[in-house]
Amino acid sequence: MIPLPLARIAEITSGALAGMADPRAVVRGPVVTDSRAVEPGSLFVAIKGERVDGHDFAAQAVAAGAVAVLASRPVDAPAVIVGDTVAAMTGLATAVCAALPATTVIGLTGSAGKTTTKDLLARLTARIGPTVATAGSFNNEIGHPLTVLKSGEDTRYLVLELGARNAGHIAHLTRVAPPRIGVVLNVGTAHLGVFGGKEEIARAKGELVEALPAEGVAVLNADDPLVAAMAGRTGARVTWYGRGEGAAVRAENVTVDERGRASFTLRTPSGAAPVGLRLYGEHAVENALAAAAAAYELGLPVATIAEELSEAEPRSRWRMEVTDRADGVTVINDAYNANPDSMRAAFGTLDALAGDRRRFAVIAALRELGDESAALNEELGRLAGGAGLTGLFVVGPDADPVLAGAEAAVQAGREGGGRVPVGSAAYAGAGGPPGDGAAGPPGTGRAARPSPVAAFGETSGAGGGAPVATAVSHAADAAQAGAELSALLAPGDVVLIKGPRASGLERVAAALLGGDRR
């Protein structure tokens, strides 16, 4: 953060100094909302949450080195008292960004892949100048200004992931840090229930390109019609990326290795270079192309872009983290979040990585899908049931549509015979779905299912063996799923873990990896 005396912070935020605050004391950053993250020179922003009130930690923050507290009521510490601490922090971030005219702001949004693309782009911009980027997925009305406030006078690039949970959110974030380059990845079904339809989601995502100046650049996915249509909503120049020949920055000759990692030729208007991604899943190609197109607009040579993309490792936790245990079990931890589109991508990665090995999946019902929730969750179950799994665990509440879809796919596959591609509503498992005809526990509405351990008692053993029985199981929580799955795994098996953030499926990965949450 640029150094600011408390008197200036009070002026920007329309606040009043209190608690013996010295108006000449200088805040040099960081600005934090967690008292445990305080460093000497910090400004601690006290936010009252549902369970914790930051004001209760004001004295602790100052004792740890904070210059003062941005508070909405008097505290036992030097403070700047404001009406709303989040609004005041946002105003402070807006003022700091305006004081950095040499900093290029790059905004990035989309229904899926935002964090991975942001991490790739931040790596690329760091090759040509000091870069500040969103940490993890801190892309909302609190995380966004916190990221902006990390910028200093030497910051050349500010790479910001922009999230939207309703119309107007992205427009608000772009007013805090006006972007010169805007990247839109895709329009999917994440938060479908909040927005009401994909067209409404596209309208919200397009607020980013509407915020661009005439001299700016909109980097748009040519392969997504709803994104492509955003070209008409901006006065900025448009550059296209994608797989088709009409894209200025595109991927040619895409191949995927036995570990699910893609390689391709990166083609740009000024030449081409080979890329071999270390990221897992073919969907990472689109993320890499988006980052490459923005970096190309900044003047990076194609060879440099390809080199950086090829060396990039996952930066943000619980996103396609692939870990091989000592016994050969492979765990794909993609538990950070999920929506219908990212679920399809994850099962595609599992299919590519697992090959002929036994495969398991731990998933949970998707959320925020509105009136489409039951249908889309049943579709998720069919996806999982047709993915050639030896076993499927569906974790947590609202699992009925997922279980119904999975069992329908298993039954269809049993009747049809033969392996089917990922995503088909059929599965070639021997034997019928466990629990046929049995009475379920009171109030569940489901047929009782046998213990997963019992269901797997007749499998052929170590990885690669064809299952005799296919288990589709419901687990009350991640702890149950982790314990039961641990008892089933044999050397060489592959496990996919993916679900909404609130389902806490990262705990399954921790159980399988001996407590390593990465």
Protein backbone atom coordinates (compact mmCIF):
# COMPACT_ATOMS: atom_id res chain seq x y z
CA MET A 1 0.00 0.00 0.00
CA ILE A 2 1.15 3.54 -0.60
CA PRO A 3 2.04 5.18 2.76
CA LEU A 4 -0.83 7.27 4.14
CA PRO A 5 -1.06 9.21 7.42
CA LEU A 6 -4.13 8.55 9.54
CA ALA A 7 -5.35 12.09 8.89
CA ARG A 8 -5.48 11.35 5.15
CA ILE A 9 -7.21 7.99 5.73
CA ALA A 10 -9.82 9.75 7.84
CA GLU A 11 -10.32 12.29 5.08
CA ILE A 12 -10.74 9.64 2.38
CA THR A 13 -13.17 7.58 4.43
CA SER A 14 -15.06 10.52 5.99
CA GLY A 15 -14.04 9.11 9.35
CA ALA A 16 -13.14 10.60 12.72
CA LEU A 17 -9.95 9.90 14.66
CA ALA A 18 -10.53 8.41 18.11
CA GLY A 19 -8.75 6.55 20.88
CA MET A 20 -5.75 8.87 20.97
CA ALA A 21 -4.99 8.20 17.30
CA ASP A 22 -2.05 10.28 16.05
CA PRO A 23 -3.09 11.99 12.79
CA ARG A 24 0.56 11.96 11.68
CA ALA A 25 1.03 8.21 12.21
CA VAL A 26 1.61 6.56 8.84
CA VAL A 27 -0.01 3.34 7.64
CA ARG A 28 2.33 1.51 5.29
CA GLY A 29 0.33 -1.70 5.04
CA PRO A 30 -0.83 -4.30 4.77
CA VAL A 31 -4.50 -3.58 5.28
CA VAL A 32 -5.99 -6.68 6.93
CA THR A 33 -9.32 -7.95 8.26
CA ASP A 34 -7.76 -10.74 10.36
CA SER A 35 -5.89 -9.66 13.49
CA ARG A 36 -3.59 -12.67 13.09
CA ALA A 37 -2.30 -11.21 9.82
CA VAL A 38 -1.27 -7.87 11.36
CA GLU A 39 2.26 -6.67 10.73
CA PRO A 40 3.99 -3.50 11.95
CA GLY A 41 2.50 -0.58 9.99
CA SER A 42 -0.83 -2.31 9.28
CA LEU A 43 -4.34 -0.93 9.26
CA PHE A 44 -6.76 -3.40 10.85
CA VAL A 45 -10.29 -3.26 9.43
CA ALA A 46 -12.84 -4.43 12.01
CA ILE A 47 -15.74 -6.20 10.31
CA LYS A 48 -18.72 -7.52 12.21
CA GLY A 49 -19.60 -10.93 10.86
CA GLU A 50 -22.29 -13.43 11.70
CA ARG A 51 -20.16 -15.23 14.29
CA VAL A 52 -17.15 -13.00 14.95
CA ASP A 53 -16.90 -9.25 15.47
CA GLY A 54 -13.54 -7.82 14.46
CA HIS A 55 -13.99 -4.96 16.91
CA ASP A 56 -13.36 -7.44 19.72
CA PHE A 57 -9.80 -7.92 18.42
CA ALA A 58 -8.91 -4.23 18.05
CA ALA A 59 -6.54 -4.05 21.03
CA GLN A 60 -4.90 -7.31 19.98
CA ALA A 61 -4.31 -5.95 16.48
CA VAL A 62 -2.67 -2.75 17.75
CA ALA A 63 -0.53 -4.75 20.17
CA ALA A 64 0.69 -6.78 17.18
CA GLY A 65 1.79 -3.62 15.36
CA ALA A 66 -1.25 -2.13 13.66
CA VAL A 67 -1.08 1.66 13.48
CA ALA A 68 -4.83 1.94 13.98
CA VAL A 69 -8.19 0.26 13.53
CA LEU A 70 -10.81 1.15 10.93
CA ALA A 71 -13.91 0.70 13.07
CA SER A 72 -17.62 1.45 13.09
CA ARG A 73 -17.76 2.04 16.87
CA PRO A 74 -15.28 3.15 19.55
CA VAL A 75 -12.69 0.53 20.49
CA ASP A 76 -9.94 0.30 23.06
CA ALA A 77 -7.29 1.34 20.53
CA PRO A 78 -6.36 4.18 18.16
CA ALA A 79 -9.04 4.19 15.49
CA VAL A 80 -10.66 5.84 12.52
CA ILE A 81 -14.39 5.66 13.19
CA VAL A 82 -16.62 5.33 10.11
CA GLY A 83 -20.24 4.44 9.44
CA ASP A 84 -19.49 1.22 7.51
CA THR A 85 -16.02 -0.37 7.59
CA VAL A 86 -16.40 -2.34 4.34
CA ALA A 87 -17.61 0.75 2.47
CA ALA A 88 -14.78 2.79 4.01
CA MET A 89 -12.21 0.18 3.01
CA THR A 90 -13.64 0.20 -0.51
CA GLY A 91 -13.33 3.99 -0.67
CA LEU A 92 -9.75 3.77 0.53
CA ALA A 93 -8.94 1.19 -2.16
CA THR A 94 -10.53 3.39 -4.82
CA ALA A 95 -8.37 6.33 -3.74
CA VAL A 96 -5.19 4.23 -3.66
CA CYS A 97 -5.81 2.84 -7.16
CA ALA A 98 -6.48 6.35 -8.50
CA ALA A 99 -3.13 7.43 -7.07
CA LEU A 100 -1.31 4.81 -9.18
CA PRO A 101 -1.77 5.95 -12.80
CA ALA A 102 1.23 3.91 -13.97
CA THR A 103 -0.41 0.67 -12.84
CA THR A 104 -2.24 -1.38 -15.48
CA VAL A 105 -5.35 -2.99 -14.05
CA ILE A 106 -6.43 -6.28 -15.62
CA GLY A 107 -9.86 -7.61 -14.66
CA LEU A 108 -10.88 -11.21 -15.22
CA THR A 109 -14.23 -12.96 -14.86
CA GLY A 110 -16.10 -16.07 -15.95
CA SER A 111 -18.23 -18.88 -14.59
CA ALA A 112 -15.33 -21.34 -14.30
CA GLY A 113 -11.54 -21.19 -14.39
CA LYS A 114 -11.13 -17.66 -13.01
CA THR A 115 -8.59 -18.50 -10.33
CA THR A 116 -6.41 -20.72 -12.50
CA THR A 117 -6.37 -18.15 -15.29
CA LYS A 118 -5.63 -15.34 -12.85
CA ASP A 119 -2.69 -17.32 -11.44
CA LEU A 120 -1.32 -17.94 -14.94
CA LEU A 121 -1.71 -14.32 -15.97
CA ALA A 122 -0.04 -13.04 -12.79
CA ARG A 123 2.92 -15.29 -13.54
CA LEU A 124 3.14 -13.83 -17.04
CA THR A 125 2.87 -10.19 -16.00
CA ALA A 126 5.53 -10.75 -13.33
CA ARG A 127 7.99 -11.30 -16.17
CA ILE A 128 7.66 -7.65 -17.19
CA GLY A 129 6.94 -5.82 -13.97
CA PRO A 130 6.01 -5.98 -10.28
CA THR A 131 2.57 -7.58 -10.03
CA VAL A 132 -0.14 -7.72 -7.38
CA ALA A 133 -2.84 -10.33 -7.89
CA THR A 134 -5.91 -11.60 -6.10
CA ALA A 135 -5.00 -14.19 -3.48
CA GLY A 136 -6.93 -17.41 -3.98
CA SER A 137 -10.51 -16.45 -4.83
CA PHE A 138 -10.74 -13.21 -2.84
CA ASN A 139 -12.91 -11.72 -5.57
CA ASN A 140 -15.85 -10.17 -3.71
CA GLU A 141 -16.66 -6.84 -2.07
CA ILE A 142 -14.18 -7.56 0.74
CA GLY A 143 -11.40 -9.47 -0.98
CA HIS A 144 -11.30 -7.13 -3.97
CA PRO A 145 -10.41 -3.89 -2.11
CA LEU A 146 -8.00 -5.83 0.12
CA THR A 147 -6.13 -6.90 -3.01
CA VAL A 148 -6.11 -3.39 -4.46
CA LEU A 149 -4.73 -2.05 -1.18
CA LYS A 150 -1.69 -4.31 -1.56
CA SER A 151 -0.57 -2.14 -4.48
CA GLY A 152 2.34 0.21 -4.02
CA GLU A 153 4.07 2.88 -6.04
CA ASP A 154 6.19 0.23 -7.75
CA THR A 155 3.22 -1.94 -8.80
CA ARG A 156 3.04 -2.14 -12.55
CA TYR A 157 0.28 -4.72 -12.97
CA LEU A 158 -2.79 -5.35 -10.85
CA VAL A 159 -4.44 -8.65 -11.83
CA LEU A 160 -7.91 -8.89 -10.33
CA GLU A 161 -10.36 -11.78 -10.33
CA LEU A 162 -13.90 -10.45 -10.32
CA GLY A 163 -16.75 -12.52 -8.91
CA ALA A 164 -20.47 -11.83 -9.20
CA ARG A 165 -23.30 -13.16 -7.11
CA ASN A 166 -25.78 -10.70 -8.57
CA ALA A 167 -26.21 -8.07 -11.24
CA GLY A 168 -24.18 -4.95 -10.55
CA HIS A 169 -21.46 -6.62 -8.50
CA ILE A 170 -18.83 -6.57 -11.24
CA ALA A 171 -19.72 -3.00 -12.17
CA HIS A 172 -19.14 -2.05 -8.52
CA LEU A 173 -15.74 -3.77 -8.43
CA THR A 174 -14.62 -2.08 -11.66
CA ARG A 175 -15.34 1.32 -10.13
CA VAL A 176 -12.88 0.50 -7.33
CA ALA A 177 -10.11 -0.40 -9.77
CA PRO A 178 -10.99 0.61 -13.36
CA PRO A 179 -9.53 -2.03 -15.72
CA ARG A 180 -7.68 -1.31 -18.94
CA ILE A 181 -7.80 -4.96 -20.01
CA GLY A 182 -10.85 -7.14 -19.36
CA VAL A 183 -10.79 -10.92 -19.82
CA VAL A 184 -14.03 -12.94 -19.99
CA LEU A 185 -13.63 -16.72 -19.91
CA ASN A 186 -17.06 -18.30 -20.25
CA VAL A 187 -20.71 -18.16 -19.25
CA GLY A 188 -21.85 -21.30 -17.47
CA THR A 189 -24.33 -22.39 -14.86
CA ALA A 190 -22.55 -21.33 -11.66
CA HIS A 191 -25.04 -19.39 -9.46
CA LEU A 192 -27.81 -20.15 -11.94
CA GLY A 193 -30.38 -19.99 -9.17
CA VAL A 194 -29.26 -16.50 -8.16
CA PHE A 195 -29.30 -15.04 -11.66
CA GLY A 196 -32.21 -17.00 -13.12
CA GLY A 197 -30.63 -17.98 -16.45
CA LYS A 198 -27.43 -18.02 -18.51
CA GLU A 199 -28.44 -14.86 -20.36
CA GLU A 200 -28.65 -13.03 -17.03
CA ILE A 201 -25.27 -14.44 -16.03
CA ALA A 202 -23.85 -13.17 -19.33
CA ARG A 203 -25.36 -9.76 -18.66
CA ALA A 204 -23.61 -9.62 -15.28
CA LYS A 205 -20.26 -10.88 -16.57
CA GLY A 206 -20.41 -8.36 -19.43
CA GLU A 207 -20.30 -5.50 -16.95
CA LEU A 208 -16.53 -5.97 -17.10
CA VAL A 209 -16.22 -5.13 -20.80
CA GLU A 210 -18.67 -2.24 -20.41
CA ALA A 211 -16.26 -0.71 -17.89
CA LEU A 212 -13.31 -0.68 -20.30
CA PRO A 213 -12.11 2.63 -21.76
CA ALA A 214 -12.01 3.19 -25.51
CA GLU A 215 -8.24 2.68 -25.45
CA GLY A 216 -8.63 -0.58 -23.51
CA VAL A 217 -8.77 -4.18 -24.69
CA ALA A 218 -11.49 -6.80 -24.22
CA VAL A 219 -10.06 -10.33 -24.34
CA LEU A 220 -12.98 -12.60 -25.26
CA ASN A 221 -13.49 -16.33 -25.72
CA ALA A 222 -14.41 -16.84 -29.37
CA ASP A 223 -15.70 -20.36 -28.63
CA ASP A 224 -18.43 -19.23 -26.21
CA PRO A 225 -21.33 -17.54 -28.03
CA LEU A 226 -22.51 -15.65 -24.95
CA VAL A 227 -19.01 -14.27 -24.41
CA ALA A 228 -18.52 -13.50 -28.08
CA ALA A 229 -21.72 -11.44 -28.04
CA MET A 230 -20.14 -9.14 -25.45
CA ALA A 231 -18.05 -7.55 -28.21
CA GLY A 232 -21.04 -5.35 -28.94
CA ARG A 233 -21.12 -4.04 -25.37
CA THR A 234 -17.74 -2.34 -25.32
CA GLY A 235 -16.03 0.52 -27.07
CA ALA A 236 -12.65 -1.10 -26.41
CA ARG A 237 -10.70 -3.05 -28.98
CA VAL A 238 -11.50 -6.77 -28.96
CA THR A 239 -8.97 -9.58 -29.20
CA TRP A 240 -10.16 -13.16 -29.54
CA TYR A 241 -8.81 -16.39 -28.12
CA GLY A 242 -10.02 -19.96 -28.56
CA ARG A 243 -9.48 -23.12 -30.56
CA GLY A 244 -11.04 -22.04 -33.84
CA GLU A 245 -9.09 -20.49 -36.71
CA GLY A 246 -10.89 -17.19 -36.24
CA ALA A 247 -9.19 -16.60 -32.89
CA ALA A 248 -6.09 -14.41 -32.93
CA VAL A 249 -4.59 -16.39 -30.05
CA ARG A 250 -5.46 -20.05 -30.37
CA ALA A 251 -4.46 -23.61 -29.55
CA GLU A 252 -3.57 -26.00 -32.36
CA ASN A 253 -2.80 -29.73 -32.29
CA VAL A 254 -4.04 -30.28 -28.73
CA THR A 255 -3.03 -33.60 -27.19
CA VAL A 256 -3.47 -34.98 -23.65
CA ASP A 257 -0.93 -37.28 -21.99
CA GLU A 258 -1.59 -40.25 -19.70
CA ARG A 259 -1.63 -37.92 -16.69
CA GLY A 260 -4.36 -35.72 -18.17
CA ARG A 261 -2.01 -32.82 -19.02
CA ALA A 262 -2.47 -31.01 -22.31
CA SER A 263 0.11 -29.96 -24.87
CA PHE A 264 -0.55 -27.72 -27.85
CA THR A 265 0.90 -25.21 -30.26
CA LEU A 266 0.22 -21.64 -29.13
CA ARG A 267 -0.53 -19.62 -32.27
CA THR A 268 -0.47 -15.80 -32.22
CA PRO A 269 -0.42 -13.14 -34.96
CA SER A 270 3.36 -12.88 -34.55
CA GLY A 271 4.27 -16.55 -34.46
CA ALA A 272 3.86 -19.84 -32.64
CA ALA A 273 5.50 -21.83 -29.88
CA PRO A 274 4.90 -25.22 -28.20
CA VAL A 275 3.24 -25.41 -24.78
CA GLY A 276 3.27 -28.41 -22.45
CA LEU A 277 1.06 -27.69 -19.45
CA ARG A 278 1.77 -29.05 -15.99
CA LEU A 279 -1.81 -28.27 -15.04
CA TYR A 280 -4.25 -31.17 -15.10
CA GLY A 281 -7.26 -31.42 -17.37
CA GLU A 282 -7.83 -30.46 -20.99
CA HIS A 283 -10.00 -27.57 -19.82
CA ALA A 284 -6.77 -25.88 -18.69
CA VAL A 285 -6.08 -25.16 -22.38
CA GLU A 286 -8.78 -22.47 -22.40
CA ASN A 287 -7.42 -20.96 -19.18
CA ALA A 288 -3.93 -20.85 -20.66
CA LEU A 289 -5.19 -19.27 -23.89
CA ALA A 290 -7.00 -16.50 -22.02
CA ALA A 291 -3.87 -15.68 -20.01
CA ALA A 292 -1.76 -15.87 -23.16
CA ALA A 293 -4.03 -13.48 -25.07
CA ALA A 294 -3.88 -10.87 -22.31
CA ALA A 295 -0.11 -11.25 -22.01
CA TYR A 296 0.25 -10.93 -25.77
CA GLU A 297 -1.62 -7.62 -25.61
CA LEU A 298 0.94 -6.47 -23.04
CA GLY A 299 3.76 -7.18 -25.47
CA LEU A 300 5.20 -10.46 -24.21
CA PRO A 301 6.86 -12.53 -26.97
CA VAL A 302 5.07 -15.76 -27.80
CA ALA A 303 8.15 -17.81 -26.83
CA THR A 304 8.17 -16.23 -23.37
CA ILE A 305 4.44 -16.82 -22.94
CA ALA A 306 4.81 -20.47 -23.95
CA GLU A 307 7.76 -20.95 -21.59
CA GLU A 308 5.91 -19.52 -18.60
CA LEU A 309 2.73 -21.47 -19.31
CA SER A 310 4.75 -24.68 -19.59
CA GLU A 311 6.45 -24.11 -16.24
CA ALA A 312 3.38 -23.04 -14.27
CA GLU A 313 2.26 -25.23 -11.37
CA PRO A 314 -1.08 -24.89 -9.55
CA ARG A 315 -0.87 -21.97 -7.11
CA SER A 316 -4.26 -21.99 -5.41
CA ARG A 317 -5.12 -24.91 -3.17
CA TRP A 318 -7.73 -27.60 -3.77
CA ARG A 319 -7.91 -26.94 -7.51
CA MET A 320 -6.91 -29.97 -9.55
CA GLU A 321 -4.20 -30.94 -7.07
CA VAL A 322 -2.98 -34.38 -8.12
CA THR A 323 -1.05 -36.35 -5.49
CA ASP A 324 0.37 -39.86 -5.80
CA ARG A 325 0.55 -41.76 -2.53
CA ALA A 326 3.42 -44.09 -1.81
CA ASP A 327 1.16 -47.08 -2.55
CA GLY A 328 0.27 -45.75 -5.99
CA VAL A 329 -3.18 -44.40 -5.14
CA THR A 330 -3.72 -41.11 -6.98
CA VAL A 331 -5.87 -38.44 -5.34
CA ILE A 332 -7.34 -35.62 -7.47
CA ASN A 333 -8.31 -32.90 -5.00
CA ASP A 334 -10.54 -30.43 -6.84
CA ALA A 335 -12.64 -29.69 -3.76
CA TYR A 336 -12.54 -25.90 -3.72
CA ASN A 337 -15.87 -25.45 -5.49
CA ALA A 338 -18.08 -26.91 -8.19
CA ASN A 339 -20.74 -26.17 -10.77
CA PRO A 340 -22.15 -28.29 -13.62
CA ASP A 341 -19.49 -27.15 -16.08
CA SER A 342 -16.53 -27.69 -13.79
CA MET A 343 -17.92 -31.10 -12.78
CA ARG A 344 -17.89 -32.22 -16.41
CA ALA A 345 -14.33 -30.99 -16.78
CA ALA A 346 -13.25 -32.80 -13.62
CA PHE A 347 -14.71 -36.13 -14.72
CA GLY A 348 -13.01 -35.67 -18.08
CA THR A 349 -9.70 -35.27 -16.27
CA LEU A 350 -10.39 -38.35 -14.15
CA ASP A 351 -11.08 -40.34 -17.31
CA ALA A 352 -7.84 -39.23 -18.95
CA LEU A 353 -5.72 -39.77 -15.85
CA ALA A 354 -7.18 -43.06 -14.65
CA GLY A 355 -7.03 -45.05 -17.86
CA ASP A 356 -7.62 -48.71 -16.95
CA ARG A 357 -7.10 -48.17 -13.22
CA ARG A 358 -9.98 -48.48 -10.74
CA ARG A 359 -11.62 -45.12 -10.21
CA PHE A 360 -13.64 -43.66 -7.37
CA ALA A 361 -15.35 -40.30 -6.93
CA VAL A 362 -16.54 -38.32 -3.92
CA ILE A 363 -18.98 -35.56 -4.85
CA ALA A 364 -21.78 -33.50 -3.30
CA ALA A 365 -24.99 -31.98 -4.60
CA LEU A 366 -24.49 -28.69 -6.42
CA ARG A 367 -26.00 -25.53 -4.97
CA GLU A 368 -27.43 -22.19 -6.12
CA LEU A 369 -29.06 -23.71 -9.19
CA GLY A 370 -32.57 -22.41 -8.50
CA ASP A 371 -35.47 -24.13 -10.24
CA GLU A 372 -33.01 -26.21 -12.26
CA SER A 373 -31.40 -27.70 -9.15
CA ALA A 374 -33.08 -31.11 -9.19
CA ALA A 375 -32.62 -31.63 -12.93
CA LEU A 376 -28.99 -30.50 -12.98
CA ASN A 377 -28.10 -32.57 -9.93
CA GLU A 378 -29.72 -35.62 -11.50
CA GLU A 379 -27.66 -34.91 -14.59
CA LEU A 380 -24.57 -34.78 -12.37
CA GLY A 381 -25.50 -38.20 -10.99
CA ARG A 382 -25.82 -39.57 -14.52
CA LEU A 383 -22.44 -38.10 -15.39
CA ALA A 384 -20.85 -39.80 -12.39
CA GLY A 385 -22.77 -43.05 -12.90
CA GLY A 386 -21.56 -43.25 -16.49
CA ALA A 387 -17.93 -42.42 -15.73
CA GLY A 388 -16.71 -46.00 -15.31
CA LEU A 389 -16.43 -45.67 -11.54
CA THR A 390 -15.84 -48.60 -9.26
CA GLY A 391 -17.49 -46.59 -6.49
CA LEU A 392 -19.28 -43.28 -5.99
CA PHE A 393 -19.85 -41.47 -2.71
CA VAL A 394 -22.39 -38.63 -2.66
CA VAL A 395 -21.84 -36.56 0.47
CA GLY A 396 -24.16 -34.41 2.54
CA PRO A 397 -27.76 -33.22 2.30
CA ASP A 398 -29.94 -32.87 -0.81
CA ALA A 399 -28.26 -35.91 -2.33
CA ASP A 400 -31.42 -37.64 -3.65
CA PRO A 401 -31.34 -36.27 -7.24
CA VAL A 402 -27.63 -37.09 -7.60
CA LEU A 403 -28.15 -40.62 -6.26
CA ALA A 404 -31.17 -41.15 -8.49
CA GLY A 405 -29.24 -40.04 -11.57
CA ALA A 406 -26.24 -42.18 -10.71
CA GLU A 407 -28.30 -45.31 -10.14
CA ALA A 408 -30.24 -44.72 -13.36
CA ALA A 409 -26.96 -44.49 -15.27
CA VAL A 410 -25.63 -47.64 -13.62
CA GLN A 411 -28.83 -49.50 -14.46
CA ALA A 412 -28.76 -48.27 -18.07
CA GLY A 413 -25.17 -49.36 -18.43
CA ARG A 414 -25.91 -52.77 -16.95
CA GLU A 415 -28.68 -53.27 -19.48
CA GLY A 416 -26.71 -51.87 -22.41
CA GLY A 417 -23.36 -53.54 -21.71
CA GLY A 418 -19.92 -52.23 -22.52
CA ARG A 419 -17.94 -49.21 -21.34
CA VAL A 420 -19.33 -45.83 -22.32
CA PRO A 421 -17.70 -42.41 -22.63
CA VAL A 422 -17.64 -40.01 -19.71
CA GLY A 423 -20.90 -38.11 -19.52
CA SER A 424 -23.10 -40.80 -21.00
CA ALA A 425 -26.09 -41.91 -18.95
CA ALA A 426 -24.97 -45.54 -18.95
CA TYR A 427 -22.41 -47.63 -17.14
CA ALA A 428 -21.15 -51.16 -17.78
CA GLY A 429 -21.13 -52.42 -14.22
CA ALA A 430 -21.91 -56.05 -13.38
CA GLY A 431 -24.89 -56.58 -11.10
CA GLY A 432 -27.61 -54.14 -10.16
CA PRO A 433 -27.52 -51.10 -7.89
CA PRO A 434 -27.06 -52.12 -4.26
CA GLY A 435 -30.09 -51.84 -2.02
CA ASP A 436 -32.83 -52.82 -4.50
CA GLY A 437 -36.13 -53.33 -2.75
CA ALA A 438 -34.90 -52.57 0.74
CA ALA A 439 -36.61 -50.09 3.02
CA GLY A 440 -34.72 -46.88 3.66
CA PRO A 441 -34.11 -45.05 6.92
CA PRO A 442 -37.12 -43.02 8.11
CA GLY A 443 -37.46 -39.68 6.33
CA THR A 444 -34.73 -40.23 3.76
CA GLY A 445 -36.90 -41.22 0.81
CA ARG A 446 -34.09 -43.52 -0.36
CA ALA A 447 -33.73 -47.26 -0.45
CA ALA A 448 -31.28 -48.58 2.11
CA ARG A 449 -27.80 -49.16 0.74
CA PRO A 450 -25.39 -51.78 2.05
CA SER A 451 -22.12 -50.85 3.67
CA PRO A 452 -19.68 -49.75 0.95
CA VAL A 453 -17.08 -52.10 2.46
CA ALA A 454 -19.48 -55.01 2.09
CA ALA A 455 -20.39 -53.96 -1.43
CA PHE A 456 -16.75 -54.06 -2.44
CA GLY A 457 -16.04 -57.39 -0.81
CA GLU A 458 -16.26 -59.14 -4.20
CA THR A 459 -14.06 -56.84 -6.26
CA SER A 460 -10.97 -58.23 -7.90
CA GLY A 461 -8.57 -56.41 -5.62
CA ALA A 462 -5.66 -54.17 -6.62
CA GLY A 463 -5.89 -51.42 -9.21
CA GLY A 464 -7.08 -52.32 -12.66
CA GLY A 465 -9.41 -55.15 -11.56
CA ALA A 466 -12.93 -55.11 -12.98
CA PRO A 467 -15.56 -54.65 -10.26
CA VAL A 468 -18.14 -57.38 -9.72
CA ALA A 469 -20.44 -55.00 -7.85
CA THR A 470 -20.89 -51.29 -8.37
CA ALA A 471 -21.49 -49.24 -5.22
CA VAL A 472 -23.37 -45.94 -5.19
CA SER A 473 -23.30 -44.71 -1.59
CA HIS A 474 -24.57 -41.77 0.40
CA ALA A 475 -22.33 -40.39 3.17
CA ALA A 476 -23.67 -38.00 5.77
CA ASP A 477 -20.50 -35.94 5.77
CA ALA A 478 -16.91 -35.77 4.55
CA ALA A 479 -15.61 -37.63 7.60
CA GLN A 480 -17.80 -40.64 6.87
CA ALA A 481 -16.90 -40.61 3.18
CA GLY A 482 -13.18 -40.39 3.95
CA ALA A 483 -13.27 -43.24 6.45
CA GLU A 484 -15.32 -45.57 4.26
CA LEU A 485 -13.36 -44.83 1.11
CA SER A 486 -10.03 -45.35 2.89
CA ALA A 487 -11.11 -48.91 3.67
CA LEU A 488 -11.82 -49.62 -0.01
CA LEU A 489 -8.74 -48.30 -1.76
CA ALA A 490 -6.10 -50.60 -3.21
CA PRO A 491 -2.72 -49.71 -4.73
CA GLY A 492 -3.14 -48.05 -8.11
CA ASP A 493 -6.65 -46.68 -7.56
CA VAL A 494 -7.60 -43.14 -8.59
CA VAL A 495 -9.94 -40.88 -6.59
CA LEU A 496 -11.65 -37.67 -7.71
CA ILE A 497 -12.87 -35.34 -4.94
CA LYS A 498 -15.07 -32.44 -6.04
CA GLY A 499 -18.02 -30.53 -4.67
CA PRO A 500 -19.32 -27.14 -3.53
CA ARG A 501 -17.08 -25.34 -1.07
CA ALA A 502 -19.63 -25.61 1.73
CA SER A 503 -19.55 -29.42 1.58
CA GLY A 504 -15.98 -29.45 2.96
CA LEU A 505 -14.78 -32.28 0.73
CA GLU A 506 -11.17 -31.18 1.16
CA ARG A 507 -11.38 -33.14 4.42
CA VAL A 508 -11.74 -36.32 2.38
CA ALA A 509 -8.45 -35.52 0.64
CA ALA A 510 -6.85 -34.86 4.01
CA ALA A 511 -8.01 -38.26 5.26
CA LEU A 512 -6.68 -40.04 2.19
CA LEU A 513 -3.36 -38.19 2.24
CA GLY A 514 -2.64 -38.67 5.91
CA GLY A 515 -3.73 -35.19 6.99
CA ASP A 516 -1.97 -33.33 4.16
CA ARG A 517 -4.48 -30.66 3.07
CA ARG A 518 -1.94 -29.12 0.63
